[in-house]
């Protein structure tokens, strides 16, 4: 890519990101409540996306070979325990990810 193409690409990415961030505030006024459908999506989408993330992460796990999915199972349990104790989704995800990465590194001898 030439420098001009790189600058155009970066500019378009910035515009796209800013538009998706600011558009809801422009469309929905703070003076009146958001429509019911939008409120429903705000409540339903986070758990749905979290569930989709779990399915995506487990799609290549083979329980009949290798570690038999044990690192994944332990990481899922860590996520569940952290979430039940702290009720912080970011902490739960980070804790489970760190646990999984440590288990994988220890299991392959790269640590």
N, C-alpha and C. Protein backbone atom coordinates (compact mmCIF):
# COMPACT_ATOMS: atom_id res chain seq x y z
N UNK A 1 0.83 -1.19 0.00
CA UNK A 1 0.00 0.00 0.00
C UNK A 1 0.87 1.25 0.00
N UNK A 2 0.41 2.21 -0.73
CA UNK A 2 1.12 3.49 -0.71
C UNK A 2 0.75 4.24 0.56
N UNK A 3 1.48 5.30 0.84
CA UNK A 3 1.21 6.10 2.03
C UNK A 3 -0.19 6.72 1.96
N UNK A 4 -0.59 7.16 0.78
CA UNK A 4 -1.93 7.75 0.61
C UNK A 4 -3.01 6.72 0.90
N UNK A 5 -2.83 5.49 0.40
CA UNK A 5 -3.81 4.44 0.65
C UNK A 5 -3.88 4.10 2.14
N UNK A 6 -2.74 4.08 2.80
CA UNK A 6 -2.73 3.81 4.24
C UNK A 6 -3.46 4.90 5.00
N UNK A 7 -3.22 6.15 4.63
CA UNK A 7 -3.89 7.27 5.31
C UNK A 7 -5.41 7.22 5.08
N UNK A 8 -5.83 6.90 3.85
CA UNK A 8 -7.25 6.79 3.55
C UNK A 8 -7.88 5.65 4.35
N UNK A 9 -7.20 4.51 4.41
CA UNK A 9 -7.71 3.37 5.16
C UNK A 9 -7.86 3.71 6.63
N UNK A 10 -6.85 4.32 7.21
CA UNK A 10 -6.90 4.70 8.63
C UNK A 10 -8.02 5.72 8.85
N UNK A 11 -8.15 6.68 7.96
CA UNK A 11 -9.21 7.68 8.08
C UNK A 11 -10.60 7.06 8.03
N UNK A 12 -10.80 6.12 7.11
CA UNK A 12 -12.10 5.45 7.01
C UNK A 12 -12.39 4.61 8.26
N UNK A 13 -11.37 3.98 8.81
CA UNK A 13 -11.56 3.21 10.05
C UNK A 13 -11.94 4.14 11.21
N UNK A 14 -11.29 5.30 11.27
CA UNK A 14 -11.61 6.27 12.33
C UNK A 14 -13.04 6.77 12.17
N UNK A 15 -13.43 7.10 10.95
CA UNK A 15 -14.79 7.59 10.70
C UNK A 15 -15.82 6.51 11.03
N UNK A 16 -15.56 5.27 10.62
CA UNK A 16 -16.48 4.17 10.92
C UNK A 16 -16.62 3.93 12.42
N UNK A 17 -15.50 3.96 13.13
CA UNK A 17 -15.54 3.76 14.58
C UNK A 17 -16.28 4.89 15.27
N UNK A 18 -15.98 6.12 14.89
CA UNK A 18 -16.65 7.27 15.51
C UNK A 18 -18.15 7.25 15.21
N UNK A 19 -18.52 6.89 13.98
CA UNK A 19 -19.94 6.85 13.62
C UNK A 19 -20.70 5.83 14.47
N UNK A 20 -20.11 4.65 14.67
CA UNK A 20 -20.81 3.64 15.48
C UNK A 20 -20.86 4.02 16.95
N UNK A 21 -19.93 4.84 17.40
CA UNK A 21 -19.93 5.26 18.81
C UNK A 21 -20.91 6.42 19.04
N UNK A 22 -20.97 7.37 18.12
CA UNK A 22 -21.75 8.59 18.33
C UNK A 22 -23.18 8.49 17.80
N UNK A 23 -23.42 7.62 16.82
CA UNK A 23 -24.73 7.53 16.19
C UNK A 23 -25.87 7.26 17.18
N UNK A 24 -25.73 6.33 18.12
CA UNK A 24 -26.83 6.12 19.08
C UNK A 24 -27.19 7.37 19.88
N UNK A 25 -26.19 8.19 20.22
CA UNK A 25 -26.46 9.40 20.98
C UNK A 25 -27.14 10.46 20.12
N UNK A 26 -26.88 10.42 18.83
CA UNK A 26 -27.53 11.35 17.91
C UNK A 26 -28.97 10.91 17.62
N UNK A 27 -29.17 9.61 17.42
CA UNK A 27 -30.50 9.10 17.08
C UNK A 27 -31.45 9.16 18.27
N UNK A 28 -30.96 8.72 19.45
CA UNK A 28 -31.82 8.64 20.63
C UNK A 28 -31.52 9.80 21.57
N UNK A 29 -32.50 10.67 21.71
CA UNK A 29 -32.35 11.85 22.56
C UNK A 29 -32.35 11.45 24.03
N UNK A 30 -31.64 12.20 24.84
CA UNK A 30 -31.64 11.92 26.28
C UNK A 30 -32.91 12.45 26.96
N UNK A 31 -33.70 13.24 26.24
CA UNK A 31 -34.93 13.81 26.80
C UNK A 31 -36.07 12.81 26.88
N UNK A 32 -36.03 11.77 26.03
CA UNK A 32 -37.08 10.76 26.07
C UNK A 32 -36.43 9.37 26.12
N UNK A 33 -37.12 8.42 26.71
CA UNK A 33 -36.54 7.08 26.85
C UNK A 33 -36.39 6.38 25.49
N UNK A 34 -35.44 5.47 25.44
CA UNK A 34 -35.22 4.69 24.22
C UNK A 34 -36.42 3.78 23.99
N UNK A 35 -36.69 3.43 22.74
CA UNK A 35 -37.80 2.51 22.45
C UNK A 35 -37.63 1.18 23.18
N UNK A 36 -38.73 0.51 23.44
CA UNK A 36 -38.71 -0.76 24.17
C UNK A 36 -37.82 -1.81 23.53
N UNK A 37 -37.84 -1.85 22.19
CA UNK A 37 -37.03 -2.83 21.47
C UNK A 37 -35.53 -2.61 21.73
N UNK A 38 -35.12 -1.37 21.75
CA UNK A 38 -33.71 -1.04 22.00
C UNK A 38 -33.34 -1.39 23.44
N UNK A 39 -34.23 -1.12 24.38
CA UNK A 39 -33.97 -1.49 25.77
C UNK A 39 -33.87 -3.01 25.91
N UNK A 40 -34.74 -3.73 25.19
CA UNK A 40 -34.68 -5.20 25.22
C UNK A 40 -33.33 -5.69 24.68
N UNK A 41 -32.90 -5.12 23.56
CA UNK A 41 -31.61 -5.52 22.99
C UNK A 41 -30.47 -5.23 23.95
N UNK A 42 -30.55 -4.13 24.67
CA UNK A 42 -29.51 -3.78 25.65
C UNK A 42 -29.41 -4.80 26.78
N UNK A 43 -30.54 -5.44 27.09
CA UNK A 43 -30.54 -6.45 28.16
C UNK A 43 -30.24 -7.85 27.63
N UNK A 44 -30.67 -8.15 26.40
CA UNK A 44 -30.55 -9.51 25.87
C UNK A 44 -29.22 -9.79 25.16
N UNK A 45 -28.63 -8.80 24.52
CA UNK A 45 -27.44 -9.05 23.72
C UNK A 45 -26.18 -9.41 24.51
N UNK A 46 -25.88 -8.76 25.63
CA UNK A 46 -24.64 -9.14 26.33
C UNK A 46 -24.56 -10.62 26.72
N UNK A 47 -25.60 -11.22 27.35
CA UNK A 47 -25.50 -12.65 27.63
C UNK A 47 -25.48 -13.51 26.36
N UNK A 48 -26.18 -13.07 25.31
CA UNK A 48 -26.19 -13.84 24.06
C UNK A 48 -24.81 -13.83 23.42
N UNK A 49 -24.14 -12.70 23.44
CA UNK A 49 -22.81 -12.61 22.87
C UNK A 49 -21.82 -13.42 23.71
N UNK A 50 -21.99 -13.39 25.01
CA UNK A 50 -21.12 -14.19 25.89
C UNK A 50 -21.31 -15.68 25.60
N UNK A 51 -22.55 -16.11 25.41
CA UNK A 51 -22.83 -17.50 25.06
C UNK A 51 -22.23 -17.87 23.71
N UNK A 52 -22.32 -16.96 22.74
CA UNK A 52 -21.73 -17.21 21.43
C UNK A 52 -20.21 -17.32 21.54
N UNK A 53 -19.60 -16.52 22.40
CA UNK A 53 -18.16 -16.59 22.63
C UNK A 53 -17.76 -17.95 23.20
N UNK A 54 -18.55 -18.48 24.13
CA UNK A 54 -18.28 -19.79 24.71
C UNK A 54 -18.36 -20.87 23.64
N UNK A 55 -19.41 -20.84 22.82
CA UNK A 55 -19.56 -21.82 21.76
C UNK A 55 -18.40 -21.73 20.78
N UNK A 56 -18.00 -20.52 20.41
CA UNK A 56 -16.89 -20.34 19.48
C UNK A 56 -15.59 -20.88 20.06
N UNK A 57 -15.36 -20.65 21.34
CA UNK A 57 -14.13 -21.11 21.98
C UNK A 57 -14.07 -22.63 22.12
N UNK A 58 -15.20 -23.27 22.21
CA UNK A 58 -15.23 -24.72 22.42
C UNK A 58 -15.44 -25.52 21.12
N UNK A 59 -15.53 -24.84 19.99
CA UNK A 59 -15.87 -25.54 18.74
C UNK A 59 -14.79 -26.51 18.29
N UNK A 60 -13.55 -26.31 18.63
CA UNK A 60 -12.47 -27.19 18.19
C UNK A 60 -11.94 -28.10 19.29
N UNK A 61 -12.65 -28.22 20.37
CA UNK A 61 -12.20 -29.07 21.48
C UNK A 61 -12.56 -30.52 21.15
N UNK A 62 -11.56 -31.39 21.22
CA UNK A 62 -11.76 -32.81 20.97
C UNK A 62 -11.59 -33.55 22.29
N UNK A 63 -12.68 -34.06 22.83
CA UNK A 63 -12.61 -34.71 24.14
C UNK A 63 -12.01 -36.11 24.06
N UNK A 64 -11.82 -36.63 22.86
CA UNK A 64 -11.27 -37.98 22.72
C UNK A 64 -9.77 -37.97 22.41
N UNK A 65 -9.15 -36.80 22.39
CA UNK A 65 -7.71 -36.74 22.11
C UNK A 65 -7.05 -35.67 22.97
N UNK A 66 -5.74 -35.74 23.07
CA UNK A 66 -4.97 -34.73 23.79
C UNK A 66 -5.33 -34.66 25.25
N UNK A 67 -5.60 -33.46 25.71
CA UNK A 67 -5.91 -33.24 27.12
C UNK A 67 -7.39 -33.49 27.41
N UNK A 68 -8.14 -33.97 26.42
CA UNK A 68 -9.56 -34.32 26.57
C UNK A 68 -10.42 -33.13 27.00
N UNK A 69 -10.01 -31.91 26.64
CA UNK A 69 -10.79 -30.73 26.98
C UNK A 69 -10.67 -30.31 28.43
N UNK A 70 -9.71 -30.87 29.15
CA UNK A 70 -9.55 -30.55 30.57
C UNK A 70 -9.17 -29.08 30.81
N UNK A 71 -8.23 -28.48 30.06
CA UNK A 71 -7.93 -27.06 30.28
C UNK A 71 -9.15 -26.18 30.06
N UNK A 72 -9.94 -26.50 29.04
CA UNK A 72 -11.14 -25.71 28.76
C UNK A 72 -12.15 -25.84 29.89
N UNK A 73 -12.34 -27.05 30.39
CA UNK A 73 -13.28 -27.29 31.48
C UNK A 73 -12.85 -26.55 32.74
N UNK A 74 -11.57 -26.61 33.06
CA UNK A 74 -11.07 -25.91 34.26
C UNK A 74 -11.25 -24.40 34.09
N UNK A 75 -10.95 -23.87 32.90
CA UNK A 75 -11.10 -22.43 32.67
C UNK A 75 -12.58 -22.01 32.78
N UNK A 76 -13.48 -22.85 32.27
CA UNK A 76 -14.92 -22.54 32.39
C UNK A 76 -15.33 -22.52 33.86
N UNK A 77 -14.84 -23.47 34.63
CA UNK A 77 -15.15 -23.49 36.07
C UNK A 77 -14.60 -22.25 36.77
N UNK A 78 -13.40 -21.82 36.39
CA UNK A 78 -12.83 -20.60 36.98
C UNK A 78 -13.71 -19.39 36.64
N UNK A 79 -14.16 -19.31 35.40
CA UNK A 79 -15.05 -18.21 35.00
C UNK A 79 -16.33 -18.23 35.83
N UNK A 80 -16.91 -19.41 35.98
CA UNK A 80 -18.16 -19.52 36.74
C UNK A 80 -17.97 -19.12 38.20
N UNK A 81 -16.91 -19.61 38.83
CA UNK A 81 -16.67 -19.30 40.24
C UNK A 81 -16.40 -17.80 40.41
N UNK A 82 -15.54 -17.24 39.55
CA UNK A 82 -15.26 -15.80 39.65
C UNK A 82 -16.52 -14.98 39.46
N UNK A 83 -17.35 -15.38 38.51
CA UNK A 83 -18.55 -14.59 38.26
C UNK A 83 -19.55 -14.72 39.42
N UNK A 84 -19.66 -15.90 39.99
CA UNK A 84 -20.56 -16.07 41.13
C UNK A 84 -20.08 -15.30 42.35
N UNK A 85 -18.77 -15.21 42.52
CA UNK A 85 -18.22 -14.51 43.69
C UNK A 85 -18.20 -13.00 43.51
N UNK A 86 -17.78 -12.52 42.34
CA UNK A 86 -17.54 -11.09 42.15
C UNK A 86 -18.57 -10.37 41.29
N UNK A 87 -19.30 -11.09 40.44
CA UNK A 87 -20.30 -10.50 39.55
C UNK A 87 -19.69 -9.42 38.65
N UNK A 88 -18.48 -9.63 38.20
CA UNK A 88 -17.80 -8.71 37.29
C UNK A 88 -17.43 -9.47 36.03
N UNK A 89 -18.14 -9.19 34.92
CA UNK A 89 -17.93 -9.96 33.70
C UNK A 89 -16.51 -9.84 33.19
N UNK A 90 -15.93 -8.64 33.25
CA UNK A 90 -14.57 -8.45 32.75
C UNK A 90 -13.58 -9.26 33.58
N UNK A 91 -13.74 -9.27 34.88
CA UNK A 91 -12.86 -10.06 35.75
C UNK A 91 -13.03 -11.55 35.47
N UNK A 92 -14.25 -11.99 35.25
CA UNK A 92 -14.51 -13.40 34.96
C UNK A 92 -13.84 -13.83 33.66
N UNK A 93 -14.00 -13.02 32.63
CA UNK A 93 -13.41 -13.35 31.33
C UNK A 93 -11.89 -13.33 31.43
N UNK A 94 -11.33 -12.30 32.05
CA UNK A 94 -9.88 -12.20 32.17
C UNK A 94 -9.32 -13.35 33.01
N UNK A 95 -9.97 -13.67 34.11
CA UNK A 95 -9.51 -14.76 34.97
C UNK A 95 -9.54 -16.10 34.25
N UNK A 96 -10.60 -16.37 33.53
CA UNK A 96 -10.71 -17.62 32.77
C UNK A 96 -9.68 -17.69 31.66
N UNK A 97 -9.46 -16.57 30.99
CA UNK A 97 -8.48 -16.53 29.90
C UNK A 97 -7.07 -16.77 30.44
N UNK A 98 -6.72 -16.10 31.53
CA UNK A 98 -5.40 -16.28 32.13
C UNK A 98 -5.22 -17.72 32.59
N UNK A 99 -6.22 -18.26 33.24
CA UNK A 99 -6.17 -19.65 33.69
C UNK A 99 -5.95 -20.59 32.51
N UNK A 100 -6.71 -20.41 31.45
CA UNK A 100 -6.60 -21.26 30.27
C UNK A 100 -5.21 -21.15 29.64
N UNK A 101 -4.71 -19.93 29.49
CA UNK A 101 -3.40 -19.75 28.88
C UNK A 101 -2.30 -20.38 29.73
N UNK A 102 -2.40 -20.26 31.04
CA UNK A 102 -1.41 -20.91 31.92
C UNK A 102 -1.48 -22.42 31.79
N UNK A 103 -2.68 -22.97 31.77
CA UNK A 103 -2.83 -24.42 31.64
C UNK A 103 -2.27 -24.93 30.30
N UNK A 104 -2.52 -24.19 29.25
CA UNK A 104 -2.01 -24.58 27.93
C UNK A 104 -0.48 -24.51 27.92
N UNK A 105 0.07 -23.43 28.47
CA UNK A 105 1.53 -23.28 28.47
C UNK A 105 2.20 -24.33 29.34
N UNK A 106 1.60 -24.63 30.49
CA UNK A 106 2.17 -25.66 31.37
C UNK A 106 2.04 -27.03 30.75
N UNK A 107 0.95 -27.28 30.04
CA UNK A 107 0.72 -28.58 29.42
C UNK A 107 1.63 -28.86 28.26
N UNK A 108 2.08 -27.79 27.55
CA UNK A 108 2.96 -28.01 26.39
C UNK A 108 4.42 -27.82 26.74
N UNK A 109 4.71 -27.41 27.99
CA UNK A 109 6.08 -27.24 28.41
C UNK A 109 6.74 -25.96 27.92
N UNK A 110 5.95 -24.97 27.50
CA UNK A 110 6.50 -23.70 27.02
C UNK A 110 6.64 -22.66 28.11
N UNK A 111 6.37 -23.02 29.34
CA UNK A 111 6.37 -22.01 30.40
C UNK A 111 7.59 -22.14 31.25
